[in-house]
Protein backbone atom coordinates (compact mmCIF):
# COMPACT_ATOMS: atom_id res chain seq x y z
CA MET A 1 79.24 163.74 73.51
CA PRO A 2 81.40 161.48 71.29
CA THR A 3 80.48 157.88 70.96
CA PRO A 4 82.89 155.10 72.07
CA SER A 5 83.62 154.15 68.48
CA VAL A 6 84.67 157.69 67.67
CA GLU A 7 86.92 157.80 70.74
CA LEU A 8 88.56 154.52 69.79
CA ARG A 9 89.08 155.77 66.22
CA GLY A 10 90.70 158.92 67.55
CA GLU A 11 93.02 156.95 69.80
CA ARG A 12 94.04 154.74 66.88
CA ASP A 13 94.78 157.79 64.76
CA ALA A 14 96.80 159.28 67.57
CA VAL A 15 98.85 156.08 67.84
CA ARG A 16 99.34 155.72 64.07
CA ARG A 17 100.37 159.36 63.56
CA PRO A 18 103.61 159.19 65.66
CA ARG A 19 104.49 155.83 64.05
CA ALA A 20 104.11 157.27 60.57
CA THR A 21 106.10 160.34 61.57
CA ALA A 22 108.87 158.12 63.00
CA ALA A 23 108.88 155.97 59.86
CA ARG A 24 109.23 159.06 57.70
CA THR A 25 111.99 160.30 59.99
CA ARG A 26 113.85 157.01 59.69
CA GLY A 27 113.28 156.73 55.98
CA GLY A 28 114.18 160.33 55.22
CA PRO A 29 117.96 160.13 55.61
CA ARG A 30 118.15 156.85 53.68
CA THR A 31 117.91 158.40 50.26
CA PRO A 32 120.76 160.92 50.76
CA GLY A 33 122.82 158.17 52.44
CA ARG A 34 122.39 155.81 49.52
CA ALA A 35 123.13 158.60 47.10
CA ALA A 36 126.32 159.41 49.00
CA ALA A 37 127.32 155.74 49.00
CA TRP A 38 126.78 155.47 45.25
CA ALA A 39 128.69 158.72 44.78
CA ARG A 40 131.65 157.18 46.60
CA ARG A 41 131.45 153.96 44.59
CA ALA A 42 130.90 155.57 41.20
CA PRO A 43 134.61 156.41 40.60
CA LEU A 44 135.42 152.70 41.15
CA LEU A 45 132.96 151.45 38.54
CA PRO A 46 135.26 152.07 35.52
CA ALA A 47 138.05 150.11 37.25
CA LEU A 48 135.60 147.30 38.06
CA VAL A 49 134.35 147.16 34.47
CA PHE A 50 137.93 147.20 33.18
CA LEU A 51 138.87 144.36 35.56
CA VAL A 52 135.92 142.26 34.42
CA VAL A 53 136.68 142.88 30.74
CA VAL A 54 140.40 142.12 31.12
CA THR A 55 140.17 139.06 33.40
CA GLN A 56 136.74 137.46 33.28
CA LEU A 57 135.85 137.73 29.60
CA PRO A 58 139.08 136.03 28.42
CA PHE A 59 138.50 133.25 30.95
CA VAL A 60 134.94 132.78 29.70
CA ALA A 61 136.28 132.63 26.14
CA THR A 62 138.86 130.04 27.25
CA VAL A 63 136.11 127.91 28.80
CA VAL A 64 134.10 128.10 25.56
CA VAL A 65 137.12 127.12 23.43
CA SER A 66 137.88 124.21 25.80
CA PHE A 67 134.64 122.55 24.66
CA THR A 68 135.53 122.84 20.97
CA ARG A 69 137.60 120.67 18.64
CA TRP A 70 140.04 123.24 17.27
CA ASN A 71 143.47 122.40 15.91
CA ALA A 72 145.18 124.81 13.53
CA LEU A 73 146.85 121.88 11.74
CA ALA A 74 143.40 120.49 10.83
CA PRO A 75 141.26 123.56 10.06
CA ASP A 76 138.46 121.52 8.45
CA ASN A 77 137.95 119.36 11.54
CA ARG A 78 136.49 122.00 13.84
CA GLY A 79 133.35 121.71 15.95
CA PHE A 80 131.81 121.00 19.33
CA ALA A 81 133.82 118.42 21.29
CA ALA A 82 131.86 118.28 24.57
CA PHE A 83 134.19 116.90 27.28
CA ASP A 84 136.65 115.20 24.91
CA ASN A 85 139.37 117.76 25.59
CA TYR A 86 139.03 117.32 29.36
CA LYS A 87 139.14 113.53 28.96
CA ALA A 88 142.33 113.92 26.94
CA VAL A 89 143.79 116.18 29.63
CA PHE A 90 143.33 113.60 32.39
CA THR A 91 144.35 110.58 30.29
CA ASP A 92 147.39 112.06 28.53
CA PRO A 93 150.66 110.54 29.92
CA ALA A 94 152.51 113.79 29.22
CA MET A 95 149.93 115.70 31.24
CA ARG A 96 150.21 113.28 34.16
CA SER A 97 153.99 113.66 34.07
CA ALA A 98 153.62 117.45 34.02
CA ILE A 99 151.28 117.30 37.04
CA TRP A 100 153.77 115.19 38.98
CA THR A 101 156.65 117.51 38.02
CA THR A 102 154.59 120.55 39.06
CA VAL A 103 153.74 119.01 42.44
CA LEU A 104 157.34 117.98 43.10
CA LEU A 105 158.71 121.36 42.00
CA THR A 106 156.17 123.33 44.02
CA VAL A 107 156.49 121.31 47.23
CA THR A 108 160.31 121.41 47.14
CA VAL A 109 160.55 125.12 46.39
CA VAL A 110 157.91 126.16 48.91
CA LEU A 111 159.20 124.02 51.80
CA VAL A 112 162.89 124.88 51.34
CA SER A 113 162.10 128.58 50.80
CA LEU A 114 159.90 128.55 53.90
CA LEU A 115 162.61 127.02 56.09
CA LEU A 116 165.31 129.36 54.77
CA GLY A 117 162.97 132.34 55.05
CA LEU A 118 162.19 131.43 58.66
CA GLY A 119 165.89 131.23 59.52
CA LEU A 120 166.62 134.59 57.87
CA ALA A 121 163.61 136.19 59.54
CA LEU A 122 164.80 135.02 62.96
CA LEU A 123 168.23 136.46 62.14
CA LEU A 124 166.85 139.82 61.03
CA ASP A 125 164.56 140.01 64.07
CA ARG A 126 167.68 140.56 66.19
CA LYS A 127 169.39 143.91 66.43
CA PHE A 128 172.92 144.06 64.99
CA TRP A 129 175.07 146.56 63.17
CA GLY A 130 174.21 146.86 59.47
CA ARG A 131 170.86 145.11 59.77
CA GLY A 132 169.24 147.49 57.25
CA ILE A 133 171.92 146.78 54.64
CA VAL A 134 171.64 143.02 55.17
CA ARG A 135 167.84 143.19 54.89
CA THR A 136 168.07 145.11 51.62
CA MET A 137 170.59 142.64 50.16
CA LEU A 138 168.43 139.66 51.15
CA ILE A 139 165.33 141.17 49.55
CA THR A 140 167.13 141.89 46.26
CA PRO A 141 166.65 138.43 44.63
CA PHE A 142 162.88 138.80 44.86
CA LEU A 143 163.08 142.11 42.98
CA VAL A 144 164.93 140.66 40.00
CA VAL A 145 162.82 140.04 36.89
CA PRO A 146 162.11 136.26 36.70
CA VAL A 147 163.53 135.86 33.19
CA ALA A 148 166.67 137.80 34.16
CA ALA A 149 167.08 135.64 37.26
CA ALA A 150 166.75 132.46 35.18
CA LEU A 151 169.31 133.75 32.66
CA LEU A 152 171.65 134.65 35.53
CA TRP A 153 171.53 131.10 36.88
CA LYS A 154 171.75 129.50 33.44
CA HIS A 155 174.79 131.40 32.15
CA ALA A 156 176.58 132.99 35.11
CA LEU A 157 176.29 130.05 37.51
CA TYR A 158 175.36 126.76 35.83
CA ASN A 159 177.36 126.99 32.61
CA ALA A 160 179.90 124.17 32.46
CA SER A 161 182.56 126.22 30.64
CA TYR A 162 182.51 129.64 32.33
CA GLY A 163 179.94 129.34 35.14
CA LEU A 164 180.75 130.54 38.65
CA ILE A 165 180.03 127.16 40.27
CA ASN A 166 182.49 125.21 38.12
CA GLY A 167 184.96 128.08 38.31
CA SER A 168 184.84 127.89 42.13
CA LEU A 169 185.39 124.12 41.97
CA THR A 170 188.42 124.67 39.74
CA TRP A 171 189.85 127.25 42.14
CA ILE A 172 189.32 125.02 45.21
CA TRP A 173 190.88 121.98 43.52
CA ARG A 174 193.92 124.04 42.47
CA LEU A 175 194.39 125.18 46.07
CA PHE A 176 194.99 121.55 46.98
CA GLY A 177 197.30 120.96 44.02
CA SER A 178 194.86 119.11 41.76
CA ALA A 179 194.80 119.84 38.04
CA ASP A 180 191.68 117.78 37.29
CA PRO A 181 188.71 119.46 39.01
CA PRO A 182 185.17 118.14 38.43
CA GLN A 183 183.24 120.13 35.83
CA PRO A 184 179.67 118.77 35.86
CA ASP A 185 177.03 120.07 33.50
CA TRP A 186 174.45 121.00 36.12
CA MET A 187 171.57 121.57 33.69
CA THR A 188 172.04 118.11 32.18
CA THR A 189 172.89 115.99 35.22
CA SER A 190 170.35 117.59 37.61
CA PRO A 191 167.87 119.59 35.50
CA LEU A 192 164.96 119.67 37.95
CA ALA A 193 167.24 120.50 40.87
CA ALA A 194 168.74 123.33 38.80
CA VAL A 195 165.30 124.86 38.31
CA GLU A 196 164.40 124.34 41.98
CA VAL A 197 167.56 126.04 43.26
CA ALA A 198 166.95 129.07 41.03
CA LEU A 199 163.36 129.36 42.26
CA ILE A 200 164.37 128.87 45.91
CA TRP A 201 166.89 131.70 45.56
CA GLN A 202 164.15 133.95 44.19
CA TRP A 203 161.30 133.06 46.57
CA THR A 204 163.15 132.83 49.90
CA PRO A 205 163.05 136.65 50.36
CA PHE A 206 159.26 136.58 49.86
CA MET A 207 158.87 134.03 52.66
CA MET A 208 161.31 135.97 54.82
CA LEU A 209 159.30 139.21 54.52
CA ILE A 210 156.02 137.58 55.56
CA LEU A 211 157.59 135.74 58.50
CA LEU A 212 159.55 138.80 59.59
CA ALA A 213 156.30 140.76 59.73
CA GLY A 214 154.84 137.99 61.89
CA LEU A 215 157.85 138.03 64.22
CA GLN A 216 157.65 141.78 64.68
CA SER A 217 153.98 141.49 65.67
CA ARG A 218 154.72 139.19 68.62
CA PRO A 219 153.64 140.46 72.05
CA ALA A 220 156.93 141.59 73.55
CA ASP A 221 155.67 141.37 77.13
CA ALA A 222 154.97 137.63 76.80
CA VAL A 223 158.48 136.99 75.47
CA GLU A 224 160.07 139.04 78.26
CA ALA A 225 157.97 137.25 80.89
CA ALA A 226 159.08 133.87 79.53
CA ARG A 227 162.72 134.91 79.65
CA VAL A 228 162.35 136.21 83.21
CA ASP A 229 160.85 132.87 84.21
CA GLY A 230 163.97 131.14 82.91
CA ALA A 231 162.78 129.87 79.52
CA SER A 232 165.56 129.13 77.06
CA ALA A 233 165.70 130.55 73.55
CA PHE A 234 164.52 127.21 72.15
CA ASP A 235 161.57 127.13 74.59
CA VAL A 236 160.57 130.67 73.61
CA PHE A 237 160.70 129.69 69.94
CA ARG A 238 158.81 126.42 70.44
CA TYR A 239 156.04 127.57 72.78
CA LEU A 240 155.63 131.27 71.85
CA THR A 241 157.16 132.14 68.49
CA LEU A 242 156.14 129.08 66.47
CA PRO A 243 152.45 129.06 67.53
CA HIS A 244 152.29 132.80 66.82
CA LEU A 245 153.81 132.28 63.36
CA ARG A 246 151.45 129.44 62.40
CA ARG A 247 149.07 131.70 60.47
CA TYR A 248 151.96 133.48 58.77
CA LEU A 249 153.57 130.18 57.81
CA GLU A 250 150.27 129.03 56.30
CA LEU A 251 149.87 132.30 54.40
CA ALA A 252 153.43 132.22 53.04
CA ALA A 253 153.07 128.57 51.98
CA LEU A 254 149.72 129.17 50.24
CA LEU A 255 150.84 132.31 48.41
CA GLY A 256 154.11 130.68 47.42
CA THR A 257 152.20 127.67 46.10
CA ILE A 258 149.95 129.88 43.96
CA TYR A 259 152.92 131.61 42.34
CA VAL A 260 155.27 128.62 41.95
CA VAL A 261 152.55 126.46 40.36
CA GLN A 262 152.21 129.09 37.64
CA ASN A 263 155.95 129.44 37.07
CA PHE A 264 156.98 129.34 33.42
CA ASP A 265 160.04 131.57 33.12
CA ALA A 266 162.56 129.38 34.94
CA VAL A 267 161.53 126.15 33.19
CA PHE A 268 161.48 127.75 29.76
CA THR A 269 164.77 129.63 30.19
CA ILE A 270 166.94 127.11 32.03
CA THR A 271 165.93 123.73 30.55
CA SER A 272 163.31 124.53 27.86
CA GLY A 273 161.10 121.90 29.45
CA GLY A 274 163.49 119.08 28.63
CA LEU A 275 164.78 116.16 30.72
CA GLY A 276 161.59 115.82 32.75
CA THR A 277 161.22 119.45 33.84
CA ALA A 278 158.08 120.33 31.87
CA ASN A 279 155.49 121.56 34.38
CA LEU A 280 151.85 122.43 33.72
CA PRO A 281 152.39 125.97 32.32
CA TYR A 282 155.11 124.75 29.99
CA THR A 283 152.94 121.81 28.86
CA ILE A 284 150.13 124.24 28.04
CA TYR A 285 152.62 126.32 26.08
CA GLN A 286 153.69 123.24 24.10
CA THR A 287 150.09 122.25 23.38
CA PHE A 288 149.13 125.72 22.21
CA TYR A 289 152.19 127.00 20.36
CA GLN A 290 153.82 123.78 19.14
CA ALA A 291 150.94 121.34 18.69
CA HIS A 292 148.52 124.19 17.83
CA ASP A 293 145.71 122.34 19.62
CA TYR A 294 143.78 125.32 20.96
CA GLY A 295 140.88 123.32 22.41
CA ARG A 296 143.03 120.98 24.48
CA ALA A 297 145.32 123.82 25.59
CA SER A 298 142.27 125.76 26.77
CA ALA A 299 141.04 122.73 28.74
CA GLN A 300 144.47 122.41 30.36
CA GLY A 301 144.40 126.09 31.25
CA VAL A 302 140.94 125.81 32.82
CA VAL A 303 142.08 122.87 34.97
CA VAL A 304 145.14 124.83 36.18
CA VAL A 305 143.03 127.91 36.95
CA ILE A 306 140.52 125.88 38.97
CA CYS A 307 143.31 124.28 41.01
CA SER A 308 144.87 127.71 41.60
CA LEU A 309 141.50 129.11 42.71
CA LEU A 310 141.14 126.33 45.27
CA VAL A 311 144.53 127.18 46.74
CA ALA A 312 143.70 130.90 46.59
CA ALA A 313 140.48 130.28 48.53
CA PHE A 314 142.49 128.80 51.40
CA ALA A 315 144.90 131.75 51.20
CA LEU A 316 142.04 134.26 51.43
CA ARG A 317 140.62 132.44 54.45
CA THR A 318 144.03 132.61 56.13
CA VAL A 319 144.33 136.34 55.37
CA SER A 320 140.84 137.04 56.73
CA SER A 321 141.62 135.12 59.93
CA LEU A 322 144.82 137.14 60.36
CA LEU A 323 142.88 140.38 59.92
CA ARG A 324 140.27 139.29 62.46
CA GLU A 325 143.00 138.51 64.96
CA GLU A 326 144.56 141.95 64.46
CA VAL A 327 141.18 143.67 64.96
CA THR A 328 140.42 141.80 68.17
CA ARG A 329 143.72 142.85 69.77
């Protein structure tokens, strides 16, 4: 007859055996599952390595150079500069002027483009004959190469001698019998406004596309119910459309800010950074290619990248919130 200790040992073994079997059962499929997951990710590894090499390594090199004293005009005076380049960045009057110009340029372009894009999106949200053709024509400015768009505005529109704007003024004045029409030099009298108008023309379609997508995702039943209850078009826009578009307005403003802050083509092509239009990218270009101060130019670039990353972080949060809202519907 078995002793109590033997019985207890047998019961313990009987309890442990199913647990071990279950653990092996749970652990068995893990290895093939992990292998399958790595097999799916393996084709992406070369792209990830290429992305790191192309984007991250140059940025790391830029950070390293930003802490060095390196000017091509003084090759013998090269060495470790600690934070001297960053101190020069934040104390340089030209840099402060470039920061103010960048802020003013970005805020003006983004706000005006956002308002115009909202108006065009509301127009295209309605059904009318030829809507597809109108949509295609409105998107076209965003598809033009930035340098080509800047050249178009500089020569075909702004030129004081043969530009379309002054030519239209001449034609209008002659209609009323005047032989002395105004012929302003737009790039000299209003240089920053000239750059802003060119950028607004190019970025309004981008804002329009984002806001049009937001308008077409509105719940149609809520709009119809509001109209049945007697709400006016303004009430529908104020209490239904505008709150629904809030996330899309934030996303368009943040993405537009990221791109306009980094704009170089329009400033370089239209005004060459003169007459108070030099923004941060153009100032970095001047420091690097004209002053040949590689250390300070790298420090300026690092500051601009950090500011852009902060704005991009807010943009990513807005995108993730939009995606969560779409999933919960």
